[in-house]
Each structure stands twice: as structure tokens, then as C-alpha cells.
N, C-alpha and C. Protein backbone atom coordinates (compact mmCIF):
# COMPACT_ATOMS: atom_id res chain seq x y z
N ASN A 1 -19.41 1.92 11.27
CA ASN A 1 -18.28 1.61 12.13
C ASN A 1 -17.68 2.86 12.77
N SER A 2 -18.14 4.01 12.38
CA SER A 2 -17.57 5.23 12.91
C SER A 2 -17.70 5.28 14.42
N GLY A 3 -16.62 5.56 15.10
CA GLY A 3 -16.62 5.64 16.54
C GLY A 3 -16.24 4.34 17.22
N SER A 4 -16.14 3.25 16.48
CA SER A 4 -15.77 1.96 17.06
C SER A 4 -14.28 1.93 17.34
N ILE A 5 -13.87 1.14 18.34
CA ILE A 5 -12.44 1.02 18.63
C ILE A 5 -11.72 0.22 17.56
N PHE A 6 -12.48 -0.48 16.70
CA PHE A 6 -11.87 -1.30 15.67
C PHE A 6 -11.69 -0.56 14.35
N SER A 7 -12.18 0.65 14.25
CA SER A 7 -12.02 1.42 13.03
C SER A 7 -11.47 2.79 13.38
N SER A 8 -11.02 3.48 12.37
CA SER A 8 -10.47 4.80 12.62
C SER A 8 -10.51 5.62 11.35
N LYS A 9 -10.19 6.88 11.49
CA LYS A 9 -10.11 7.75 10.33
C LYS A 9 -8.91 7.33 9.49
N PRO A 10 -8.90 7.71 8.22
CA PRO A 10 -7.75 7.34 7.38
C PRO A 10 -6.43 7.80 7.99
N HIS A 11 -5.45 6.91 7.94
CA HIS A 11 -4.12 7.22 8.44
C HIS A 11 -3.23 7.86 7.38
N MET A 12 -3.60 7.66 6.14
CA MET A 12 -2.77 8.14 5.03
C MET A 12 -3.67 8.81 4.00
N HIS A 13 -3.33 10.04 3.66
CA HIS A 13 -4.04 10.79 2.62
C HIS A 13 -3.05 11.05 1.49
N ILE A 14 -3.41 10.68 0.28
CA ILE A 14 -2.55 10.90 -0.88
C ILE A 14 -3.23 11.93 -1.76
N THR A 15 -2.52 13.02 -2.01
CA THR A 15 -3.07 14.11 -2.81
C THR A 15 -2.30 14.24 -4.11
N SER A 16 -2.89 14.95 -5.04
CA SER A 16 -2.27 15.19 -6.34
C SER A 16 -1.09 16.15 -6.18
N ALA A 17 -0.11 16.01 -7.05
CA ALA A 17 1.04 16.91 -7.05
C ALA A 17 0.72 18.23 -7.74
N GLN A 18 -0.49 18.35 -8.25
CA GLN A 18 -0.89 19.59 -8.93
C GLN A 18 -0.84 20.74 -7.93
N THR A 19 -0.49 21.89 -8.43
CA THR A 19 -0.46 23.06 -7.56
C THR A 19 -1.88 23.52 -7.27
N THR A 20 -2.03 24.19 -6.16
CA THR A 20 -3.35 24.69 -5.80
C THR A 20 -3.70 25.90 -6.66
N THR A 21 -4.99 26.15 -6.79
CA THR A 21 -5.45 27.29 -7.56
C THR A 21 -6.06 28.31 -6.61
N ALA A 22 -6.49 29.42 -7.14
CA ALA A 22 -7.10 30.46 -6.32
C ALA A 22 -8.39 29.97 -5.66
N SER A 23 -9.11 29.06 -6.33
CA SER A 23 -10.38 28.57 -5.78
C SER A 23 -10.20 27.46 -4.74
N THR A 24 -9.05 26.78 -4.75
CA THR A 24 -8.81 25.72 -3.76
C THR A 24 -7.48 25.95 -3.07
N SER A 25 -7.47 25.73 -1.77
CA SER A 25 -6.24 25.92 -1.01
C SER A 25 -5.48 24.63 -0.81
N THR A 26 -6.09 23.49 -1.14
CA THR A 26 -5.41 22.20 -0.99
C THR A 26 -5.48 21.44 -2.31
N PRO A 27 -4.46 20.63 -2.58
CA PRO A 27 -4.49 19.82 -3.80
C PRO A 27 -5.59 18.77 -3.70
N PRO A 28 -6.09 18.29 -4.85
CA PRO A 28 -7.17 17.29 -4.84
C PRO A 28 -6.73 15.97 -4.20
N LEU A 29 -7.63 15.37 -3.43
CA LEU A 29 -7.38 14.10 -2.77
C LEU A 29 -7.52 12.97 -3.80
N ILE A 30 -6.49 12.14 -3.90
CA ILE A 30 -6.51 10.99 -4.80
C ILE A 30 -7.07 9.78 -4.08
N GLY A 31 -6.61 9.56 -2.85
CA GLY A 31 -7.05 8.39 -2.11
C GLY A 31 -6.60 8.39 -0.68
N THR A 32 -7.09 7.41 0.07
CA THR A 32 -6.73 7.26 1.48
C THR A 32 -6.48 5.79 1.78
N ASN A 33 -5.76 5.55 2.88
CA ASN A 33 -5.54 4.22 3.42
C ASN A 33 -5.84 4.26 4.91
N THR A 34 -6.61 3.28 5.37
CA THR A 34 -6.94 3.16 6.79
C THR A 34 -6.49 1.78 7.26
N PHE A 35 -5.74 1.76 8.37
CA PHE A 35 -5.20 0.52 8.93
C PHE A 35 -5.92 0.21 10.24
N HIS A 36 -6.04 -1.08 10.54
CA HIS A 36 -6.78 -1.51 11.72
C HIS A 36 -5.91 -2.37 12.61
N SER A 37 -6.05 -2.20 13.90
CA SER A 37 -5.23 -2.93 14.87
C SER A 37 -5.47 -4.43 14.84
N PHE A 38 -6.70 -4.86 14.63
CA PHE A 38 -7.03 -6.27 14.75
C PHE A 38 -7.39 -6.91 13.42
N SER A 39 -6.92 -6.34 12.34
CA SER A 39 -7.24 -6.87 11.02
C SER A 39 -6.07 -6.63 10.07
N ARG A 40 -5.88 -7.54 9.12
CA ARG A 40 -4.86 -7.38 8.10
C ARG A 40 -5.40 -6.69 6.86
N VAL A 41 -6.68 -6.34 6.86
CA VAL A 41 -7.30 -5.64 5.74
C VAL A 41 -6.96 -4.15 5.82
N VAL A 42 -6.61 -3.57 4.69
CA VAL A 42 -6.39 -2.13 4.59
C VAL A 42 -7.57 -1.56 3.81
N ASP A 43 -8.30 -0.64 4.43
CA ASP A 43 -9.41 0.01 3.74
C ASP A 43 -8.85 1.18 2.94
N MET A 44 -9.04 1.10 1.62
CA MET A 44 -8.56 2.15 0.73
C MET A 44 -9.75 2.89 0.14
N GLU A 45 -9.46 4.05 -0.38
CA GLU A 45 -10.47 4.80 -1.11
C GLU A 45 -9.77 5.46 -2.29
N PHE A 46 -10.29 5.22 -3.49
CA PHE A 46 -9.76 5.84 -4.71
C PHE A 46 -10.80 6.82 -5.21
N HIS A 47 -10.49 8.10 -5.21
CA HIS A 47 -11.41 9.13 -5.71
C HIS A 47 -12.83 8.94 -5.14
N GLY A 48 -12.90 8.66 -3.85
CA GLY A 48 -14.18 8.53 -3.17
C GLY A 48 -14.82 7.15 -3.22
N ARG A 49 -14.21 6.20 -3.96
CA ARG A 49 -14.75 4.83 -4.05
C ARG A 49 -14.03 3.92 -3.07
N PRO A 50 -14.76 3.28 -2.13
CA PRO A 50 -14.11 2.38 -1.17
C PRO A 50 -13.70 1.06 -1.81
N VAL A 51 -12.49 0.61 -1.48
CA VAL A 51 -11.93 -0.66 -1.97
C VAL A 51 -11.13 -1.27 -0.82
N SER A 52 -11.18 -2.58 -0.67
CA SER A 52 -10.42 -3.25 0.38
C SER A 52 -9.20 -3.96 -0.18
N LEU A 53 -8.05 -3.73 0.46
CA LEU A 53 -6.82 -4.45 0.16
C LEU A 53 -6.78 -5.61 1.15
N GLU A 54 -7.06 -6.82 0.66
CA GLU A 54 -7.30 -7.97 1.53
C GLU A 54 -6.19 -9.01 1.42
N PRO A 55 -5.84 -9.65 2.56
CA PRO A 55 -4.84 -10.72 2.49
C PRO A 55 -5.36 -11.89 1.66
N ASP A 56 -4.46 -12.53 0.92
CA ASP A 56 -4.85 -13.65 0.06
C ASP A 56 -4.93 -14.98 0.81
N GLY A 57 -4.55 -14.99 2.07
CA GLY A 57 -4.61 -16.21 2.87
C GLY A 57 -4.04 -15.95 4.25
N ILE A 58 -4.12 -16.96 5.09
CA ILE A 58 -3.65 -16.81 6.47
C ILE A 58 -2.14 -16.70 6.55
N PHE A 59 -1.43 -17.49 5.77
CA PHE A 59 0.02 -17.57 5.89
C PHE A 59 0.77 -16.87 4.75
N THR A 60 0.11 -15.93 4.10
CA THR A 60 0.77 -15.20 3.01
C THR A 60 0.80 -13.72 3.33
N ARG A 61 1.82 -13.05 2.81
CA ARG A 61 1.91 -11.60 2.96
C ARG A 61 1.27 -10.89 1.77
N ALA A 62 0.87 -11.62 0.74
CA ALA A 62 0.27 -11.03 -0.46
C ALA A 62 -1.13 -10.51 -0.14
N HIS A 63 -1.46 -9.37 -0.75
CA HIS A 63 -2.78 -8.75 -0.61
C HIS A 63 -3.30 -8.40 -2.00
N SER A 64 -4.61 -8.48 -2.18
CA SER A 64 -5.19 -8.14 -3.47
C SER A 64 -6.40 -7.24 -3.30
N PHE A 65 -6.80 -6.63 -4.41
CA PHE A 65 -7.96 -5.74 -4.41
C PHE A 65 -8.60 -5.73 -5.78
N ALA A 66 -9.89 -5.45 -5.80
CA ALA A 66 -10.63 -5.33 -7.06
C ALA A 66 -10.41 -3.92 -7.58
N SER A 67 -9.69 -3.82 -8.67
CA SER A 67 -9.31 -2.52 -9.23
C SER A 67 -10.40 -1.96 -10.13
N PRO A 68 -10.98 -0.82 -9.74
CA PRO A 68 -11.97 -0.19 -10.63
C PRO A 68 -11.36 0.27 -11.96
N ALA A 69 -10.15 0.79 -11.94
CA ALA A 69 -9.53 1.33 -13.15
C ALA A 69 -9.08 0.24 -14.12
N PHE A 70 -8.52 -0.86 -13.59
CA PHE A 70 -8.04 -1.94 -14.45
C PHE A 70 -9.15 -2.94 -14.78
N GLY A 71 -10.23 -2.93 -13.99
CA GLY A 71 -11.35 -3.84 -14.24
C GLY A 71 -11.05 -5.29 -13.90
N GLU A 72 -10.10 -5.53 -13.02
CA GLU A 72 -9.75 -6.88 -12.61
C GLU A 72 -9.10 -6.84 -11.22
N ARG A 73 -8.88 -8.01 -10.67
CA ARG A 73 -8.25 -8.10 -9.35
C ARG A 73 -6.73 -7.99 -9.51
N LEU A 74 -6.13 -7.10 -8.73
CA LEU A 74 -4.68 -6.92 -8.74
C LEU A 74 -4.11 -7.40 -7.41
N ARG A 75 -2.87 -7.83 -7.43
CA ARG A 75 -2.26 -8.43 -6.24
C ARG A 75 -0.87 -7.86 -5.99
N TRP A 76 -0.65 -7.37 -4.76
CA TRP A 76 0.68 -6.97 -4.32
C TRP A 76 1.33 -8.19 -3.66
N GLU A 77 2.48 -8.61 -4.18
CA GLU A 77 3.22 -9.75 -3.66
C GLU A 77 4.57 -9.29 -3.14
N CYS A 78 5.04 -9.94 -2.10
CA CYS A 78 6.38 -9.67 -1.58
C CYS A 78 7.36 -10.54 -2.35
N ASP A 79 8.50 -9.97 -2.65
CA ASP A 79 9.52 -10.67 -3.42
C ASP A 79 10.41 -11.46 -2.46
N GLY A 80 10.19 -12.75 -2.37
CA GLY A 80 10.96 -13.61 -1.49
C GLY A 80 10.35 -13.71 -0.10
N ILE A 81 10.83 -14.62 0.68
CA ILE A 81 10.28 -14.85 2.02
C ILE A 81 10.52 -13.67 2.94
N PHE A 82 11.73 -13.14 2.94
CA PHE A 82 12.06 -12.02 3.83
C PHE A 82 12.22 -10.72 3.06
N GLY A 83 11.92 -10.73 1.77
CA GLY A 83 12.15 -9.58 0.92
C GLY A 83 11.28 -8.38 1.25
N SER A 84 11.84 -7.21 1.04
CA SER A 84 11.11 -5.96 1.25
C SER A 84 10.55 -5.41 -0.05
N ASP A 85 10.98 -5.99 -1.18
CA ASP A 85 10.50 -5.53 -2.47
C ASP A 85 9.08 -6.03 -2.70
N LEU A 86 8.29 -5.24 -3.42
CA LEU A 86 6.90 -5.59 -3.70
C LEU A 86 6.66 -5.57 -5.20
N MET A 87 5.76 -6.46 -5.66
CA MET A 87 5.40 -6.50 -7.07
C MET A 87 3.88 -6.46 -7.17
N LEU A 88 3.37 -5.65 -8.09
CA LEU A 88 1.94 -5.60 -8.37
C LEU A 88 1.72 -6.37 -9.66
N VAL A 89 0.89 -7.42 -9.59
CA VAL A 89 0.61 -8.25 -10.76
C VAL A 89 -0.90 -8.38 -10.96
N ASN A 90 -1.28 -8.70 -12.19
CA ASN A 90 -2.70 -8.94 -12.48
C ASN A 90 -2.97 -10.43 -12.38
N ALA A 91 -4.18 -10.86 -12.72
CA ALA A 91 -4.58 -12.27 -12.61
C ALA A 91 -3.75 -13.17 -13.52
N ARG A 92 -3.20 -12.62 -14.59
CA ARG A 92 -2.36 -13.40 -15.52
C ARG A 92 -0.89 -13.38 -15.10
N LYS A 93 -0.61 -12.85 -13.92
CA LYS A 93 0.74 -12.75 -13.36
C LYS A 93 1.64 -11.80 -14.16
N GLU A 94 1.02 -10.88 -14.91
CA GLU A 94 1.80 -9.88 -15.64
C GLU A 94 2.17 -8.77 -14.67
N LEU A 95 3.42 -8.39 -14.69
CA LEU A 95 3.93 -7.35 -13.79
C LEU A 95 3.42 -5.98 -14.23
N ILE A 96 2.82 -5.25 -13.30
CA ILE A 96 2.30 -3.91 -13.56
C ILE A 96 3.23 -2.85 -12.96
N ALA A 97 3.65 -3.11 -11.72
CA ALA A 97 4.53 -2.17 -11.02
C ALA A 97 5.39 -2.94 -10.04
N ARG A 98 6.49 -2.31 -9.66
CA ARG A 98 7.42 -2.93 -8.72
C ARG A 98 7.95 -1.85 -7.79
N PHE A 99 8.00 -2.17 -6.49
CA PHE A 99 8.62 -1.27 -5.53
C PHE A 99 9.91 -1.92 -5.06
N ASP A 100 11.04 -1.26 -5.34
CA ASP A 100 12.34 -1.74 -4.90
C ASP A 100 12.74 -0.99 -3.65
N ALA A 101 12.80 -1.70 -2.54
CA ALA A 101 13.14 -1.09 -1.26
C ALA A 101 14.62 -0.76 -1.19
N SER A 102 14.91 0.35 -0.55
CA SER A 102 16.29 0.75 -0.30
C SER A 102 16.59 0.46 1.17
N ASN A 103 16.85 -0.81 1.46
CA ASN A 103 17.00 -1.25 2.84
C ASN A 103 18.15 -0.59 3.58
N PHE A 104 19.20 -0.22 2.87
CA PHE A 104 20.37 0.30 3.55
C PHE A 104 20.62 1.78 3.26
N ALA A 105 19.64 2.46 2.71
CA ALA A 105 19.78 3.89 2.41
C ALA A 105 19.17 4.72 3.54
N TRP A 106 19.82 5.82 3.88
CA TRP A 106 19.32 6.70 4.94
C TRP A 106 18.30 7.70 4.41
N SER A 107 18.42 8.06 3.13
CA SER A 107 17.62 9.19 2.64
C SER A 107 16.37 8.80 1.87
N LYS A 108 16.16 7.50 1.58
CA LYS A 108 14.96 7.14 0.83
C LYS A 108 14.47 5.76 1.26
N VAL A 109 13.20 5.54 1.03
CA VAL A 109 12.58 4.25 1.35
C VAL A 109 12.74 3.29 0.19
N GLY A 110 12.63 3.79 -1.03
CA GLY A 110 12.76 2.95 -2.21
C GLY A 110 12.25 3.66 -3.45
N LYS A 111 12.09 2.90 -4.53
CA LYS A 111 11.64 3.45 -5.79
C LYS A 111 10.47 2.63 -6.31
N LEU A 112 9.45 3.33 -6.82
CA LEU A 112 8.31 2.69 -7.45
C LEU A 112 8.50 2.75 -8.96
N HIS A 113 8.51 1.59 -9.60
CA HIS A 113 8.68 1.51 -11.05
C HIS A 113 7.36 1.06 -11.67
N ILE A 114 6.85 1.81 -12.62
CA ILE A 114 5.66 1.44 -13.37
C ILE A 114 6.16 0.76 -14.65
N VAL A 115 5.78 -0.48 -14.86
CA VAL A 115 6.31 -1.26 -15.98
C VAL A 115 5.87 -0.69 -17.32
N ASN A 116 4.59 -0.40 -17.47
CA ASN A 116 4.07 0.14 -18.72
C ASN A 116 4.00 1.66 -18.59
N GLY A 117 4.83 2.35 -19.31
CA GLY A 117 4.88 3.81 -19.23
C GLY A 117 3.60 4.50 -19.65
N GLY A 118 2.67 3.79 -20.28
CA GLY A 118 1.44 4.38 -20.74
C GLY A 118 0.34 4.44 -19.68
N ILE A 119 0.61 3.97 -18.49
CA ILE A 119 -0.40 3.99 -17.42
C ILE A 119 -0.49 5.41 -16.86
N SER A 120 -1.72 5.92 -16.79
CA SER A 120 -1.91 7.26 -16.23
C SER A 120 -3.30 7.35 -15.62
N GLY A 121 -3.65 8.52 -15.17
CA GLY A 121 -4.98 8.77 -14.63
C GLY A 121 -5.30 7.94 -13.41
N GLU A 122 -6.53 7.42 -13.36
CA GLU A 122 -6.99 6.68 -12.19
C GLU A 122 -6.23 5.37 -12.00
N ALA A 123 -5.76 4.76 -13.08
CA ALA A 123 -4.97 3.53 -12.95
C ALA A 123 -3.66 3.82 -12.20
N LEU A 124 -3.00 4.90 -12.55
CA LEU A 124 -1.78 5.29 -11.87
C LEU A 124 -2.07 5.64 -10.41
N ASP A 125 -3.17 6.34 -10.18
CA ASP A 125 -3.56 6.69 -8.80
C ASP A 125 -3.75 5.43 -7.96
N GLU A 126 -4.38 4.40 -8.52
CA GLU A 126 -4.60 3.15 -7.80
C GLU A 126 -3.28 2.48 -7.45
N ILE A 127 -2.34 2.50 -8.37
CA ILE A 127 -1.03 1.89 -8.11
C ILE A 127 -0.35 2.61 -6.95
N VAL A 128 -0.37 3.93 -6.96
CA VAL A 128 0.29 4.71 -5.91
C VAL A 128 -0.39 4.52 -4.56
N VAL A 129 -1.72 4.65 -4.52
CA VAL A 129 -2.45 4.54 -3.25
C VAL A 129 -2.33 3.13 -2.67
N SER A 130 -2.55 2.11 -3.50
CA SER A 130 -2.46 0.74 -2.99
C SER A 130 -1.03 0.37 -2.63
N GLY A 131 -0.05 0.86 -3.40
CA GLY A 131 1.35 0.61 -3.07
C GLY A 131 1.76 1.24 -1.76
N CYS A 132 1.33 2.47 -1.51
CA CYS A 132 1.62 3.13 -0.23
C CYS A 132 0.94 2.37 0.91
N GLY A 133 -0.28 1.90 0.67
CA GLY A 133 -0.99 1.12 1.68
C GLY A 133 -0.27 -0.18 2.00
N MET A 134 0.20 -0.87 0.98
CA MET A 134 0.91 -2.13 1.19
C MET A 134 2.24 -1.90 1.89
N LEU A 135 2.96 -0.84 1.50
CA LEU A 135 4.23 -0.53 2.16
C LEU A 135 4.04 -0.25 3.65
N GLU A 136 3.04 0.56 3.97
CA GLU A 136 2.78 0.88 5.37
C GLU A 136 2.31 -0.35 6.14
N HIS A 137 1.49 -1.18 5.51
CA HIS A 137 1.05 -2.42 6.15
C HIS A 137 2.26 -3.29 6.49
N GLU A 138 3.18 -3.44 5.54
CA GLU A 138 4.39 -4.23 5.78
C GLU A 138 5.26 -3.62 6.87
N ARG A 139 5.39 -2.28 6.87
CA ARG A 139 6.18 -1.62 7.91
C ARG A 139 5.59 -1.88 9.28
N ARG A 140 4.26 -1.78 9.42
CA ARG A 140 3.60 -2.04 10.69
C ARG A 140 3.73 -3.51 11.09
N ARG A 141 3.64 -4.41 10.12
CA ARG A 141 3.79 -5.84 10.41
C ARG A 141 5.17 -6.14 10.97
N LYS A 142 6.19 -5.58 10.33
CA LYS A 142 7.56 -5.80 10.80
C LYS A 142 7.79 -5.19 12.17
N LYS A 143 7.25 -4.00 12.39
CA LYS A 143 7.38 -3.33 13.68
C LYS A 143 6.72 -4.15 14.78
N ASN A 144 5.51 -4.66 14.51
CA ASN A 144 4.79 -5.46 15.49
C ASN A 144 5.47 -6.79 15.77
N SER A 145 6.02 -7.43 14.72
CA SER A 145 6.67 -8.72 14.94
C SER A 145 7.98 -8.55 15.69
N SER A 146 8.70 -7.46 15.48
CA SER A 146 9.95 -7.26 16.22
C SER A 146 9.68 -6.84 17.66
N SER A 147 8.60 -6.07 17.90
CA SER A 147 8.29 -5.66 19.27
C SER A 147 7.67 -6.80 20.05
N SER A 148 6.98 -7.72 19.38
CA SER A 148 6.36 -8.84 20.10
C SER A 148 7.34 -9.95 20.41
N SER A 149 8.56 -9.85 19.86
CA SER A 149 9.55 -10.89 20.10
C SER A 149 10.19 -10.74 21.46
N GLY A 150 9.88 -9.68 22.17
CA GLY A 150 10.44 -9.49 23.50
C GLY A 150 11.89 -9.05 23.48
N GLY A 151 12.36 -8.61 22.32
CA GLY A 151 13.73 -8.14 22.24
C GLY A 151 14.74 -9.21 21.93
N ALA A 152 14.29 -10.46 21.82
CA ALA A 152 15.22 -11.57 21.61
C ALA A 152 15.99 -11.42 20.31
N VAL A 153 15.32 -10.97 19.25
CA VAL A 153 16.00 -10.80 17.97
C VAL A 153 15.76 -9.42 17.40
N ALA A 154 15.39 -8.48 18.26
CA ALA A 154 15.05 -7.14 17.78
C ALA A 154 16.21 -6.45 17.10
N GLY A 155 17.44 -6.79 17.46
CA GLY A 155 18.60 -6.14 16.86
C GLY A 155 19.11 -6.81 15.62
N VAL A 156 18.51 -7.89 15.19
CA VAL A 156 18.95 -8.63 14.03
C VAL A 156 18.27 -8.06 12.78
N ALA A 157 19.07 -7.72 11.79
CA ALA A 157 18.52 -7.21 10.53
C ALA A 157 18.23 -8.37 9.60
N ALA A 158 17.08 -8.28 8.93
CA ALA A 158 16.72 -9.34 7.98
C ALA A 158 17.35 -9.09 6.64
């Protein structure tokens, strides 16, 4: 797909917070997210492994992906019809992580809460990369829906 108008280079690069060493000038890449103009699928990459964050249906905002680290399908769900909060759940509907949006704050977007404090390594990386991908997907969706309304309700806050 390289070079096609329907695909593009990753829009989001997530790197480790580790400091650089003398042998490397950049922190290690954890993952990437690539967004597409004509698709609701977000192409992710975790430590070089491609994974798709796919919509669960036509009329739902929920997206899921096959998690290499957890060994099962995980799902990002929006909290409520118009809610900006996101929840990451497994197939048993157990809460893994939650993103609480700060809709009225000027200095922050929100907070990511990991439910089980024992999650680390590649599992934690997947939560962060997929969560950032879902947040950006939702931001683009809201931007597109408000711009396509022709300005009729563009000034109304949800």
C-alpha cells in the first residue's frame, strides 16, 4: 500500500520515556498509529508487530484489537452515547484501563488509569499505544462531524 492515496506513514510515534544512551540518540520506539481518510480502522504497530484497531460495527464507536501481550481480543468502548471517556475491557468485560477526559480543562486532555497496577512491559505499551490511537481517532471523528455539519451546530458543546 505504500504510495497509495489511501495509506500513509504513521501519524503518531510513541517512544519510551527512557533516557537516551551514548549509543542511541533517540529513545526506543514502542509503537505507532496510522489513520486513514476513508477508513475507521487504525493501523497500529507494537514493537514492530502490526495490529489493527477495528470498529466493532457500523453504528458503534467501540474498536477492538487482537492483543499479542494479553493473548486475547481487547476492546476500547466509549462511556455513554456522547461521552469522551474511554474504557479498555477484555472479552469477559473486565476493566483493564480507563481514560477520563478533561473536557473543560485548558492544560490537559485527561488521565489514563491502569486498573491492575501489576501491568507492565509490552502489555502496558499496548494499552498506551492503542489508547492514544483511540483518542486520536475519536478527536478526528468529532472534528469531521462538526465540520461536515456546515456550521449549524458547530458552536454547541456536547
